[in-house]
């Protein structure tokens, strides 16, 4: 089972994001503080779970957590500050929304730009190692999926109810046929790249 704490006897918030590699939509982030002694054998990296499992776990996380919060950085903010900084900004926004202030942050990944004085550590593949990060990954993923499914109703050509804005053949084809929407990230390469090999 995943670890609950990085530092024992510390109020720790796990932080993760979803949607960094998408062509459209915001990047979402979540922060979660779990109670002392918490355990959940089903809780894991959101990418290792089915959608049904993620939504079932979201209910459990929201019920059991000491505090949880979800935030986003819009596609306009992504275009303005770049996707990496926007992802960190969304994480910071989620942390700021927590009703209980954490004493330490567990950040999924290998770097972070803090916007507060809360100490932190970065953990590569942390969502498969620590329960609070796994919980954050599930909240970020499910809330972003909900948003993209709602946006699919407004822009049905792009398949966002299934690809969630990620680069797929259908998504590229729709951009080619219908152009971009107000939700597309203009700083991203939005046309399908052709693979060319240089033998010279």
N, C-alpha and C. Protein backbone atom coordinates (compact mmCIF):
# COMPACT_ATOMS: atom_id res chain seq x y z
N UNK A 1 0.84 -1.20 0.00
CA UNK A 1 0.00 0.00 0.00
C UNK A 1 0.87 1.25 0.00
N UNK A 2 0.33 2.35 -0.48
CA UNK A 2 1.07 3.60 -0.55
C UNK A 2 1.31 4.16 0.85
N UNK A 3 2.34 4.99 0.98
CA UNK A 3 2.69 5.61 2.26
C UNK A 3 1.75 6.78 2.55
N UNK A 4 1.46 7.00 3.83
CA UNK A 4 0.63 8.13 4.22
C UNK A 4 1.47 9.39 4.42
N UNK A 5 2.66 9.22 4.98
CA UNK A 5 3.47 10.38 5.35
C UNK A 5 4.87 10.35 4.73
N UNK A 6 5.37 11.51 4.42
CA UNK A 6 6.79 11.71 4.10
C UNK A 6 7.52 12.11 5.38
N UNK A 7 6.90 12.99 6.16
CA UNK A 7 7.39 13.40 7.49
C UNK A 7 6.34 13.00 8.52
N UNK A 8 6.66 12.11 9.44
CA UNK A 8 5.69 11.71 10.46
C UNK A 8 5.25 12.91 11.31
N UNK A 9 4.02 12.82 11.80
CA UNK A 9 3.47 13.83 12.71
C UNK A 9 3.48 15.24 12.12
N UNK A 10 3.19 15.32 10.83
CA UNK A 10 3.17 16.59 10.12
C UNK A 10 1.89 16.67 9.29
N UNK A 11 1.28 17.84 9.25
CA UNK A 11 0.10 18.03 8.41
C UNK A 11 0.58 18.23 6.97
N UNK A 12 0.44 17.18 6.18
CA UNK A 12 0.96 17.20 4.81
C UNK A 12 -0.18 17.21 3.80
N UNK A 13 -0.02 18.03 2.77
CA UNK A 13 -0.97 18.04 1.66
C UNK A 13 -0.30 17.46 0.43
N UNK A 14 -0.95 16.49 -0.19
CA UNK A 14 -0.49 15.97 -1.46
C UNK A 14 -1.04 16.84 -2.58
N UNK A 15 -0.20 17.10 -3.60
CA UNK A 15 -0.60 17.98 -4.70
C UNK A 15 -0.30 17.31 -6.04
N UNK A 16 -1.24 17.38 -6.95
CA UNK A 16 -1.02 16.84 -8.29
C UNK A 16 -1.89 17.60 -9.28
N UNK A 17 -1.57 17.44 -10.58
CA UNK A 17 -2.31 18.13 -11.63
C UNK A 17 -2.81 17.13 -12.65
N UNK A 18 -3.71 17.60 -13.52
CA UNK A 18 -4.22 16.78 -14.62
C UNK A 18 -4.43 17.68 -15.83
N UNK A 19 -4.05 17.16 -16.99
CA UNK A 19 -4.31 17.89 -18.23
C UNK A 19 -3.13 18.67 -18.78
N UNK A 20 -1.95 18.38 -18.32
CA UNK A 20 -0.79 19.15 -18.78
C UNK A 20 -0.54 18.95 -20.28
N UNK A 21 -0.76 17.74 -20.79
CA UNK A 21 -0.45 17.45 -22.18
C UNK A 21 -1.59 17.67 -23.15
N UNK A 22 -2.68 18.26 -22.70
CA UNK A 22 -3.86 18.44 -23.56
C UNK A 22 -3.67 19.60 -24.54
N UNK A 23 -4.44 19.56 -25.62
CA UNK A 23 -4.46 20.64 -26.59
C UNK A 23 -5.48 21.70 -26.23
N UNK A 24 -6.43 21.37 -25.39
CA UNK A 24 -7.52 22.28 -25.07
C UNK A 24 -7.91 22.15 -23.61
N UNK A 25 -8.50 23.23 -23.09
CA UNK A 25 -9.02 23.22 -21.74
C UNK A 25 -7.99 23.64 -20.70
N UNK A 26 -8.46 23.86 -19.48
CA UNK A 26 -7.57 24.25 -18.38
C UNK A 26 -6.72 23.07 -17.92
N UNK A 27 -5.70 23.39 -17.13
CA UNK A 27 -5.01 22.37 -16.35
C UNK A 27 -5.62 22.46 -14.95
N UNK A 28 -6.00 21.32 -14.41
CA UNK A 28 -6.59 21.26 -13.07
C UNK A 28 -5.56 20.75 -12.08
N UNK A 29 -5.69 21.18 -10.85
CA UNK A 29 -4.82 20.67 -9.78
C UNK A 29 -5.64 20.49 -8.52
N UNK A 30 -5.16 19.61 -7.66
CA UNK A 30 -5.85 19.36 -6.40
C UNK A 30 -4.83 19.25 -5.27
N UNK A 31 -5.29 19.55 -4.08
CA UNK A 31 -4.49 19.38 -2.86
C UNK A 31 -5.36 18.66 -1.84
N UNK A 32 -4.78 17.67 -1.17
CA UNK A 32 -5.54 16.84 -0.24
C UNK A 32 -4.74 16.59 1.03
N UNK A 33 -5.39 16.79 2.17
CA UNK A 33 -4.83 16.42 3.47
C UNK A 33 -5.66 15.25 4.00
N UNK A 34 -5.02 14.14 4.24
CA UNK A 34 -5.71 12.95 4.76
C UNK A 34 -5.53 12.84 6.27
N UNK A 35 -6.47 12.21 6.96
CA UNK A 35 -6.38 12.12 8.42
C UNK A 35 -5.26 11.19 8.89
N UNK A 36 -4.82 11.42 10.10
CA UNK A 36 -3.79 10.58 10.70
C UNK A 36 -4.27 9.13 10.76
N UNK A 37 -3.40 8.19 10.38
CA UNK A 37 -3.76 6.78 10.41
C UNK A 37 -4.59 6.30 9.25
N UNK A 38 -4.80 7.16 8.26
CA UNK A 38 -5.68 6.81 7.14
C UNK A 38 -5.07 5.71 6.29
N UNK A 39 -5.92 4.82 5.81
CA UNK A 39 -5.48 3.78 4.88
C UNK A 39 -6.60 3.51 3.89
N UNK A 40 -6.21 3.16 2.69
CA UNK A 40 -7.18 2.83 1.65
C UNK A 40 -6.44 2.02 0.59
N UNK A 41 -6.70 0.73 0.55
CA UNK A 41 -5.96 -0.16 -0.34
C UNK A 41 -6.27 0.09 -1.81
N UNK A 42 -7.41 0.71 -2.10
CA UNK A 42 -7.78 0.97 -3.49
C UNK A 42 -7.14 2.24 -4.05
N UNK A 43 -6.68 3.10 -3.16
CA UNK A 43 -6.17 4.41 -3.57
C UNK A 43 -4.82 4.26 -4.27
N UNK A 44 -4.75 4.78 -5.51
CA UNK A 44 -3.53 4.63 -6.31
C UNK A 44 -3.49 5.77 -7.32
N UNK A 45 -2.40 5.84 -8.06
CA UNK A 45 -2.25 6.79 -9.16
C UNK A 45 -3.49 6.70 -10.05
N UNK A 46 -4.09 7.87 -10.35
CA UNK A 46 -5.34 7.88 -11.11
C UNK A 46 -5.20 7.22 -12.48
N UNK A 47 -3.99 7.25 -13.04
CA UNK A 47 -3.78 6.65 -14.37
C UNK A 47 -3.85 5.13 -14.33
N UNK A 48 -3.74 4.55 -13.13
CA UNK A 48 -3.80 3.10 -12.98
C UNK A 48 -5.22 2.61 -12.70
N UNK A 49 -6.18 3.53 -12.65
CA UNK A 49 -7.54 3.18 -12.27
C UNK A 49 -8.51 3.39 -13.43
N UNK A 50 -9.62 2.70 -13.39
CA UNK A 50 -10.68 2.93 -14.36
C UNK A 50 -11.46 4.18 -13.95
N UNK A 51 -12.22 4.74 -14.89
CA UNK A 51 -13.03 5.91 -14.57
C UNK A 51 -13.99 5.61 -13.42
N UNK A 52 -14.61 4.43 -13.44
CA UNK A 52 -15.54 4.05 -12.38
C UNK A 52 -14.84 4.02 -11.03
N UNK A 53 -13.63 3.47 -10.99
CA UNK A 53 -12.88 3.41 -9.74
C UNK A 53 -12.50 4.82 -9.27
N UNK A 54 -12.10 5.68 -10.21
CA UNK A 54 -11.72 7.04 -9.83
C UNK A 54 -12.88 7.79 -9.19
N UNK A 55 -14.06 7.69 -9.79
CA UNK A 55 -15.21 8.42 -9.24
C UNK A 55 -15.67 7.85 -7.90
N UNK A 56 -15.57 6.55 -7.73
CA UNK A 56 -15.90 5.95 -6.43
C UNK A 56 -14.92 6.42 -5.36
N UNK A 57 -13.64 6.48 -5.74
CA UNK A 57 -12.63 6.94 -4.79
C UNK A 57 -12.76 8.43 -4.51
N UNK A 58 -13.20 9.20 -5.51
CA UNK A 58 -13.39 10.63 -5.26
C UNK A 58 -14.40 10.85 -4.14
N UNK A 59 -15.49 10.10 -4.15
CA UNK A 59 -16.48 10.21 -3.08
C UNK A 59 -15.86 9.90 -1.72
N UNK A 60 -15.03 8.85 -1.68
CA UNK A 60 -14.38 8.47 -0.42
C UNK A 60 -13.40 9.54 0.04
N UNK A 61 -12.62 10.06 -0.88
CA UNK A 61 -11.63 11.08 -0.53
C UNK A 61 -12.30 12.32 0.03
N UNK A 62 -13.35 12.79 -0.66
CA UNK A 62 -14.03 13.99 -0.22
C UNK A 62 -14.72 13.79 1.13
N UNK A 63 -15.15 12.56 1.40
CA UNK A 63 -15.79 12.25 2.69
C UNK A 63 -14.76 12.15 3.81
N UNK A 64 -13.62 11.54 3.52
CA UNK A 64 -12.65 11.19 4.56
C UNK A 64 -11.58 12.25 4.81
N UNK A 65 -11.29 13.08 3.84
CA UNK A 65 -10.16 14.01 3.95
C UNK A 65 -10.37 15.04 5.05
N UNK A 66 -9.29 15.43 5.69
CA UNK A 66 -9.31 16.56 6.61
C UNK A 66 -9.64 17.83 5.83
N UNK A 67 -9.05 17.95 4.65
CA UNK A 67 -9.32 19.08 3.76
C UNK A 67 -8.95 18.68 2.35
N UNK A 68 -9.69 19.24 1.39
CA UNK A 68 -9.36 19.03 -0.02
C UNK A 68 -9.80 20.24 -0.82
N UNK A 69 -9.13 20.47 -1.92
CA UNK A 69 -9.48 21.61 -2.78
C UNK A 69 -9.03 21.32 -4.20
N UNK A 70 -9.77 21.88 -5.15
CA UNK A 70 -9.45 21.75 -6.57
C UNK A 70 -9.40 23.16 -7.17
N UNK A 71 -8.43 23.39 -8.04
CA UNK A 71 -8.29 24.69 -8.71
C UNK A 71 -7.86 24.45 -10.14
N UNK A 72 -7.86 25.51 -10.93
CA UNK A 72 -7.48 25.37 -12.33
C UNK A 72 -6.74 26.60 -12.81
N UNK A 73 -5.98 26.41 -13.86
CA UNK A 73 -5.41 27.52 -14.63
C UNK A 73 -5.98 27.40 -16.03
N UNK A 74 -6.56 28.46 -16.54
CA UNK A 74 -7.26 28.44 -17.81
C UNK A 74 -6.30 28.29 -18.98
N UNK A 75 -6.87 27.99 -20.15
CA UNK A 75 -6.02 27.89 -21.34
C UNK A 75 -5.38 29.24 -21.66
N UNK A 76 -6.07 30.36 -21.35
CA UNK A 76 -5.46 31.67 -21.55
C UNK A 76 -4.25 31.87 -20.63
N UNK A 77 -4.39 31.42 -19.39
CA UNK A 77 -3.25 31.52 -18.45
C UNK A 77 -2.11 30.62 -18.89
N UNK A 78 -2.45 29.43 -19.42
CA UNK A 78 -1.42 28.52 -19.94
C UNK A 78 -0.65 29.20 -21.08
N UNK A 79 -1.39 29.84 -21.99
CA UNK A 79 -0.73 30.51 -23.11
C UNK A 79 0.13 31.68 -22.64
N UNK A 80 -0.29 32.33 -21.57
CA UNK A 80 0.44 33.50 -21.08
C UNK A 80 1.70 33.12 -20.31
N UNK A 81 1.61 32.09 -19.46
CA UNK A 81 2.74 31.80 -18.56
C UNK A 81 3.48 30.50 -18.87
N UNK A 82 3.00 29.71 -19.78
CA UNK A 82 3.47 28.39 -20.21
C UNK A 82 2.87 27.31 -19.32
N UNK A 83 2.79 26.10 -19.86
CA UNK A 83 2.04 25.03 -19.21
C UNK A 83 2.65 24.61 -17.88
N UNK A 84 3.99 24.62 -17.77
CA UNK A 84 4.62 24.20 -16.53
C UNK A 84 4.29 25.17 -15.40
N UNK A 85 4.47 26.46 -15.65
CA UNK A 85 4.17 27.46 -14.62
C UNK A 85 2.69 27.49 -14.30
N UNK A 86 1.85 27.30 -15.32
CA UNK A 86 0.40 27.28 -15.08
C UNK A 86 0.01 26.09 -14.21
N UNK A 87 0.65 24.94 -14.41
CA UNK A 87 0.37 23.76 -13.58
C UNK A 87 0.72 24.04 -12.13
N UNK A 88 1.89 24.66 -11.91
CA UNK A 88 2.30 24.99 -10.54
C UNK A 88 1.38 26.04 -9.93
N UNK A 89 0.94 27.00 -10.76
CA UNK A 89 0.03 28.03 -10.26
C UNK A 89 -1.29 27.40 -9.80
N UNK A 90 -1.80 26.45 -10.58
CA UNK A 90 -3.03 25.76 -10.19
C UNK A 90 -2.85 24.99 -8.89
N UNK A 91 -1.69 24.35 -8.72
CA UNK A 91 -1.41 23.64 -7.46
C UNK A 91 -1.40 24.62 -6.29
N UNK A 92 -0.74 25.76 -6.48
CA UNK A 92 -0.69 26.77 -5.42
C UNK A 92 -2.08 27.29 -5.08
N UNK A 93 -2.91 27.49 -6.10
CA UNK A 93 -4.28 27.94 -5.85
C UNK A 93 -5.05 26.91 -5.04
N UNK A 94 -4.87 25.62 -5.37
CA UNK A 94 -5.55 24.57 -4.62
C UNK A 94 -5.10 24.56 -3.16
N UNK A 95 -3.81 24.68 -2.93
CA UNK A 95 -3.28 24.71 -1.56
C UNK A 95 -3.86 25.89 -0.79
N UNK A 96 -3.93 27.05 -1.44
CA UNK A 96 -4.46 28.25 -0.78
C UNK A 96 -5.93 28.10 -0.40
N UNK A 97 -6.66 27.25 -1.11
CA UNK A 97 -8.09 27.05 -0.84
C UNK A 97 -8.35 26.06 0.30
N UNK A 98 -7.34 25.33 0.76
CA UNK A 98 -7.54 24.34 1.82
C UNK A 98 -8.00 25.02 3.11
N UNK A 99 -9.01 24.46 3.75
CA UNK A 99 -9.51 25.05 4.99
C UNK A 99 -8.57 24.79 6.16
N UNK A 100 -7.74 23.78 6.05
CA UNK A 100 -6.68 23.52 7.03
C UNK A 100 -5.35 23.81 6.37
N UNK A 101 -4.54 24.66 6.97
CA UNK A 101 -3.26 25.00 6.35
C UNK A 101 -2.26 23.87 6.56
N UNK A 102 -1.68 23.36 5.49
CA UNK A 102 -0.69 22.29 5.65
C UNK A 102 0.65 22.84 6.16
N UNK A 103 1.40 21.95 6.80
CA UNK A 103 2.74 22.30 7.28
C UNK A 103 3.81 21.90 6.26
N UNK A 104 3.42 21.06 5.30
CA UNK A 104 4.38 20.55 4.32
C UNK A 104 3.61 20.09 3.11
N UNK A 105 4.21 20.28 1.92
CA UNK A 105 3.56 19.87 0.67
C UNK A 105 4.32 18.74 0.01
N UNK A 106 3.58 17.75 -0.47
CA UNK A 106 4.14 16.66 -1.26
C UNK A 106 3.72 16.90 -2.71
N UNK A 107 4.69 17.25 -3.54
CA UNK A 107 4.42 17.64 -4.92
C UNK A 107 4.77 16.50 -5.86
N UNK A 108 3.81 16.11 -6.69
CA UNK A 108 4.10 15.09 -7.69
C UNK A 108 4.96 15.68 -8.79
N UNK A 109 6.10 15.05 -9.09
CA UNK A 109 6.98 15.54 -10.15
C UNK A 109 8.36 15.85 -9.64
N UNK A 110 9.14 16.52 -10.49
CA UNK A 110 10.54 16.77 -10.13
C UNK A 110 10.88 18.23 -9.85
N UNK A 111 9.87 19.13 -9.97
CA UNK A 111 10.11 20.52 -9.60
C UNK A 111 8.81 21.24 -9.31
N UNK A 112 8.95 22.44 -8.72
CA UNK A 112 7.78 23.20 -8.28
C UNK A 112 8.18 24.65 -8.09
N UNK A 113 7.25 25.56 -8.38
CA UNK A 113 7.45 26.98 -8.10
C UNK A 113 6.45 27.38 -7.03
N UNK A 114 6.88 27.51 -5.77
CA UNK A 114 5.93 27.81 -4.70
C UNK A 114 5.47 29.26 -4.74
N UNK A 115 4.26 29.48 -4.27
CA UNK A 115 3.71 30.83 -4.12
C UNK A 115 3.37 31.12 -2.67
N UNK A 116 3.96 30.34 -1.77
CA UNK A 116 3.77 30.55 -0.33
C UNK A 116 5.06 30.12 0.37
N UNK A 117 5.07 30.27 1.68
CA UNK A 117 6.26 29.90 2.45
C UNK A 117 6.18 28.48 3.00
N UNK A 118 5.20 27.70 2.56
CA UNK A 118 5.06 26.33 3.05
C UNK A 118 6.17 25.46 2.47
N UNK A 119 6.96 24.77 3.29
CA UNK A 119 8.02 23.91 2.76
C UNK A 119 7.43 22.74 1.97
N UNK A 120 8.23 22.20 1.07
CA UNK A 120 7.72 21.15 0.19
C UNK A 120 8.86 20.24 -0.25
N UNK A 121 8.46 19.11 -0.81
CA UNK A 121 9.41 18.24 -1.50
C UNK A 121 8.74 17.75 -2.78
N UNK A 122 9.55 17.53 -3.82
CA UNK A 122 9.05 17.00 -5.08
C UNK A 122 9.36 15.51 -5.14
N UNK A 123 8.38 14.72 -5.56
CA UNK A 123 8.53 13.27 -5.59
C UNK A 123 8.13 12.76 -6.96
N UNK A 124 9.11 12.26 -7.70
CA UNK A 124 8.84 11.70 -9.03
C UNK A 124 7.96 10.46 -8.88
N UNK A 125 6.89 10.42 -9.68
CA UNK A 125 5.89 9.34 -9.59
C UNK A 125 5.31 9.24 -8.18
N UNK A 126 5.16 10.40 -7.56
CA UNK A 126 4.64 10.44 -6.19
C UNK A 126 3.22 9.93 -6.06
N UNK A 127 2.44 10.02 -7.16
CA UNK A 127 1.06 9.54 -7.11
C UNK A 127 0.97 8.03 -7.00
N UNK A 128 2.08 7.33 -7.20
CA UNK A 128 2.12 5.88 -7.01
C UNK A 128 2.89 5.51 -5.74
N UNK A 129 3.24 6.52 -4.93
CA UNK A 129 4.03 6.27 -3.72
C UNK A 129 3.36 6.77 -2.44
N UNK A 130 2.61 7.88 -2.53
CA UNK A 130 2.05 8.50 -1.34
C UNK A 130 0.54 8.69 -1.49
N UNK A 131 -0.19 8.31 -0.46
CA UNK A 131 -1.65 8.39 -0.49
C UNK A 131 -2.18 9.80 -0.75
N UNK A 132 -1.64 10.85 -0.10
CA UNK A 132 -2.20 12.18 -0.35
C UNK A 132 -2.01 12.64 -1.79
N UNK A 133 -0.90 12.27 -2.43
CA UNK A 133 -0.70 12.65 -3.83
C UNK A 133 -1.64 11.85 -4.72
N UNK A 134 -1.80 10.57 -4.44
CA UNK A 134 -2.73 9.75 -5.22
C UNK A 134 -4.14 10.31 -5.12
N UNK A 135 -4.53 10.73 -3.92
CA UNK A 135 -5.86 11.32 -3.73
C UNK A 135 -5.99 12.60 -4.56
N UNK A 136 -4.95 13.42 -4.55
CA UNK A 136 -4.98 14.66 -5.32
C UNK A 136 -5.06 14.37 -6.82
N UNK A 137 -4.36 13.33 -7.26
CA UNK A 137 -4.38 12.99 -8.68
C UNK A 137 -5.78 12.58 -9.12
N UNK A 138 -6.50 11.88 -8.26
CA UNK A 138 -7.86 11.44 -8.58
C UNK A 138 -8.82 12.63 -8.64
N UNK A 139 -8.71 13.54 -7.69
CA UNK A 139 -9.58 14.72 -7.72
C UNK A 139 -9.30 15.59 -8.94
N UNK A 140 -8.03 15.84 -9.22
CA UNK A 140 -7.69 16.68 -10.37
C UNK A 140 -8.20 16.05 -11.66
N UNK A 141 -7.98 14.76 -11.81
CA UNK A 141 -8.39 14.06 -13.03
C UNK A 141 -9.91 14.06 -13.20
N UNK A 142 -10.64 13.71 -12.15
CA UNK A 142 -12.09 13.59 -12.29
C UNK A 142 -12.76 14.95 -12.48
N UNK A 143 -12.29 15.97 -11.79
CA UNK A 143 -12.89 17.29 -11.97
C UNK A 143 -12.56 17.85 -13.34
N UNK A 144 -11.38 17.56 -13.85
CA UNK A 144 -11.07 18.01 -15.20
C UNK A 144 -11.91 17.26 -16.23
N UNK A 145 -12.06 15.94 -16.05
CA UNK A 145 -12.89 15.16 -16.95
C UNK A 145 -14.33 15.69 -16.97
N UNK A 146 -14.85 16.03 -15.80
CA UNK A 146 -16.21 16.59 -15.72
C UNK A 146 -16.30 17.87 -16.55
N UNK A 147 -15.30 18.73 -16.41
CA UNK A 147 -15.29 19.99 -17.14
C UNK A 147 -15.26 19.75 -18.65
N UNK A 148 -14.39 18.86 -19.10
CA UNK A 148 -14.26 18.62 -20.54
C UNK A 148 -15.51 17.96 -21.11
N UNK A 149 -16.18 17.12 -20.33
CA UNK A 149 -17.43 16.52 -20.80
C UNK A 149 -18.52 17.59 -20.93
N UNK A 150 -18.53 18.57 -20.02
CA UNK A 150 -19.48 19.68 -20.16
C UNK A 150 -19.16 20.50 -21.41
N UNK A 151 -17.88 20.73 -21.65
CA UNK A 151 -17.48 21.52 -22.82
C UNK A 151 -17.76 20.76 -24.12
N UNK A 152 -17.77 19.44 -24.05
CA UNK A 152 -18.11 18.64 -25.23
C UNK A 152 -19.53 18.96 -25.72
N UNK A 153 -20.41 19.29 -24.80
CA UNK A 153 -21.78 19.64 -25.19
C UNK A 153 -21.79 20.91 -26.05
N UNK A 154 -20.87 21.83 -25.79
CA UNK A 154 -20.79 23.07 -26.56
C UNK A 154 -20.00 22.89 -27.86
N UNK A 155 -19.00 22.01 -27.82
CA UNK A 155 -18.12 21.80 -28.98
C UNK A 155 -18.02 20.30 -29.27
N UNK A 156 -19.06 19.71 -29.83
CA UNK A 156 -19.15 18.25 -29.94
C UNK A 156 -18.22 17.62 -30.99
N UNK A 157 -17.65 18.41 -31.88
CA UNK A 157 -16.85 17.83 -32.96
C UNK A 157 -15.52 17.24 -32.50
N UNK A 158 -15.03 17.64 -31.35
CA UNK A 158 -13.64 17.36 -30.98
C UNK A 158 -13.45 16.10 -30.14
N UNK A 159 -14.56 15.48 -29.74
CA UNK A 159 -14.47 14.23 -28.98
C UNK A 159 -13.98 14.39 -27.56
N UNK A 160 -14.23 15.55 -26.96
CA UNK A 160 -13.70 15.79 -25.61
C UNK A 160 -14.34 14.92 -24.55
N UNK A 161 -15.48 14.33 -24.83
CA UNK A 161 -16.09 13.42 -23.86
C UNK A 161 -15.34 12.09 -23.77
N UNK A 162 -14.44 11.85 -24.71
CA UNK A 162 -13.62 10.63 -24.65
C UNK A 162 -12.13 10.95 -24.57
N UNK A 163 -11.64 11.94 -25.36
CA UNK A 163 -10.20 12.23 -25.32
C UNK A 163 -9.83 13.29 -24.29
N UNK A 164 -10.81 13.95 -23.72
CA UNK A 164 -10.62 14.95 -22.67
C UNK A 164 -9.69 16.10 -23.08
N UNK A 165 -9.57 16.30 -24.38
CA UNK A 165 -8.72 17.38 -24.87
C UNK A 165 -7.31 16.96 -25.22
N UNK A 166 -6.98 15.70 -25.00
CA UNK A 166 -5.65 15.21 -25.34
C UNK A 166 -5.51 15.06 -26.86
N UNK A 167 -4.29 15.04 -27.36
CA UNK A 167 -4.07 14.92 -28.80
C UNK A 167 -4.38 13.52 -29.31
N UNK A 168 -5.46 13.39 -30.05
CA UNK A 168 -5.83 12.14 -30.69
C UNK A 168 -6.08 12.42 -32.16
N UNK A 169 -6.17 11.37 -32.96
CA UNK A 169 -6.42 11.54 -34.39
C UNK A 169 -7.73 12.29 -34.62
N UNK A 170 -8.76 11.94 -33.86
CA UNK A 170 -10.06 12.60 -34.01
C UNK A 170 -9.97 14.07 -33.65
N UNK A 171 -9.22 14.37 -32.61
CA UNK A 171 -9.08 15.76 -32.16
C UNK A 171 -8.36 16.59 -33.23
N UNK A 172 -7.26 16.07 -33.74
CA UNK A 172 -6.51 16.78 -34.80
C UNK A 172 -7.38 16.97 -36.05
N UNK A 173 -8.13 15.93 -36.41
CA UNK A 173 -8.97 16.00 -37.61
C UNK A 173 -10.05 17.07 -37.44
N UNK A 174 -10.63 17.16 -36.24
CA UNK A 174 -11.65 18.17 -35.99
C UNK A 174 -11.08 19.58 -36.06
N UNK A 175 -9.87 19.75 -35.54
CA UNK A 175 -9.21 21.07 -35.64
C UNK A 175 -9.01 21.44 -37.10
N UNK A 176 -8.59 20.46 -37.89
CA UNK A 176 -8.35 20.70 -39.32
C UNK A 176 -9.65 21.07 -40.03
N UNK A 177 -10.74 20.43 -39.65
CA UNK A 177 -12.02 20.65 -40.33
C UNK A 177 -12.78 21.86 -39.81
N UNK A 178 -12.75 22.07 -38.49
CA UNK A 178 -13.61 23.09 -37.88
C UNK A 178 -12.83 24.26 -37.27
N UNK A 179 -11.51 24.16 -37.24
CA UNK A 179 -10.71 25.21 -36.62
C UNK A 179 -10.64 25.03 -35.11
N UNK A 180 -10.08 26.03 -34.45
CA UNK A 180 -9.91 25.93 -33.00
C UNK A 180 -11.08 26.62 -32.29
N UNK A 181 -11.25 26.28 -31.03
CA UNK A 181 -12.29 26.86 -30.18
C UNK A 181 -11.64 27.85 -29.21
N UNK A 182 -12.44 28.60 -28.47
CA UNK A 182 -11.88 29.47 -27.43
C UNK A 182 -11.15 28.71 -26.32
N UNK A 183 -11.34 27.41 -26.26
CA UNK A 183 -10.69 26.60 -25.21
C UNK A 183 -9.35 26.02 -25.64
N UNK A 184 -9.00 26.14 -26.90
CA UNK A 184 -7.73 25.57 -27.35
C UNK A 184 -6.54 26.42 -26.87
N UNK A 185 -5.45 25.72 -26.61
CA UNK A 185 -4.22 26.37 -26.15
C UNK A 185 -3.42 26.81 -27.37
N UNK A 186 -3.43 28.10 -27.63
CA UNK A 186 -2.81 28.61 -28.85
C UNK A 186 -1.29 28.50 -28.84
N UNK A 187 -0.71 28.34 -27.66
CA UNK A 187 0.74 28.19 -27.56
C UNK A 187 1.19 26.76 -27.85
N UNK A 188 0.24 25.84 -28.01
CA UNK A 188 0.55 24.45 -28.32
C UNK A 188 0.52 24.24 -29.84
N UNK A 189 1.23 23.22 -30.29
CA UNK A 189 1.15 22.85 -31.71
C UNK A 189 -0.16 22.12 -31.93
N UNK A 190 -1.05 22.73 -32.69
CA UNK A 190 -2.41 22.21 -32.83
C UNK A 190 -2.66 21.48 -34.14
N UNK A 191 -1.64 21.38 -34.98
CA UNK A 191 -1.80 20.57 -36.19
C UNK A 191 -1.01 19.28 -36.03
N UNK A 192 -1.52 18.22 -36.62
CA UNK A 192 -0.87 16.92 -36.50
C UNK A 192 0.47 16.96 -37.22
N UNK A 193 1.52 16.52 -36.53
CA UNK A 193 2.86 16.55 -37.11
C UNK A 193 3.10 15.29 -37.94
N UNK A 194 3.69 15.49 -39.08
CA UNK A 194 4.07 14.36 -39.93
C UNK A 194 5.47 13.89 -39.56
N UNK A 195 5.62 12.59 -39.43
CA UNK A 195 6.92 12.03 -39.11
C UNK A 195 7.77 11.95 -40.38
N UNK A 196 8.90 12.61 -40.37
CA UNK A 196 9.81 12.57 -41.51
C UNK A 196 11.16 12.05 -41.06
N UNK A 197 11.77 11.28 -41.91
CA UNK A 197 13.09 10.71 -41.61
C UNK A 197 14.11 11.27 -42.60
N UNK A 198 15.21 11.71 -42.08
CA UNK A 198 16.27 12.27 -42.89
C UNK A 198 17.39 11.23 -43.00
N UNK A 199 17.55 10.69 -44.21
CA UNK A 199 18.55 9.63 -44.39
C UNK A 199 19.87 10.20 -44.92
N UNK A 200 19.96 11.51 -45.10
CA UNK A 200 21.19 12.06 -45.64
C UNK A 200 22.27 12.21 -44.59
